[in-house]
Amino acid sequence: MRSLLMMLFIAPASWAMAQSNHYFEAAEAYDRAQLKFVIQAVVDIDPNANVYQDDGMRLLHVRSNVSEAELRGAIAGAGLALLDGTPNVGTANNGPTATADGKPLFVITGDPAGDQARYAAAVQLWNAQHADEPIEILPIIIE
């Protein structure tokens, strides 16, 4: 019964604190050790914050209740240099373009025709260099 009463008092307070999304771009790719320091710095100023990184280790997505300026200060204090402004996460693509064994990946950049052309060229190059492991070029439709 006591835990139920605690939930009744705590839950409304936590719902009132909606987290905001903040996006940052590092001046250069960071490694997992640097990311660990960044996460710790962010959690030090907001224990409920969540920090996410992209595959290319350049973009940071932070869900937090503190301001962007406070987050920038904490991240810089952790030793990660950030570019000014907010990255356009819809078109930013720092992720991989190939699998671990070198096979091409289809990368979505927001330009469907360009994405398809880049993928087709990468597959043709792969097939020319790996005649024993050809990849079929299938049209990829993104709606």
Foldseek 3Di string as FASTA:
>chain_A
DVVVVVCVVPVVVVVVQFWDKAKWFFPAADDVVLVVLLVVLVCVVFVPKDWDADQLRTMIIITGSDDPVSSQVSSVVSPTHIDPDGDPVLQDDRHDQADPVRQGDQDDRPDLVVSLVVNVVSQVVVCVVCVVDHDDRDRDDDD
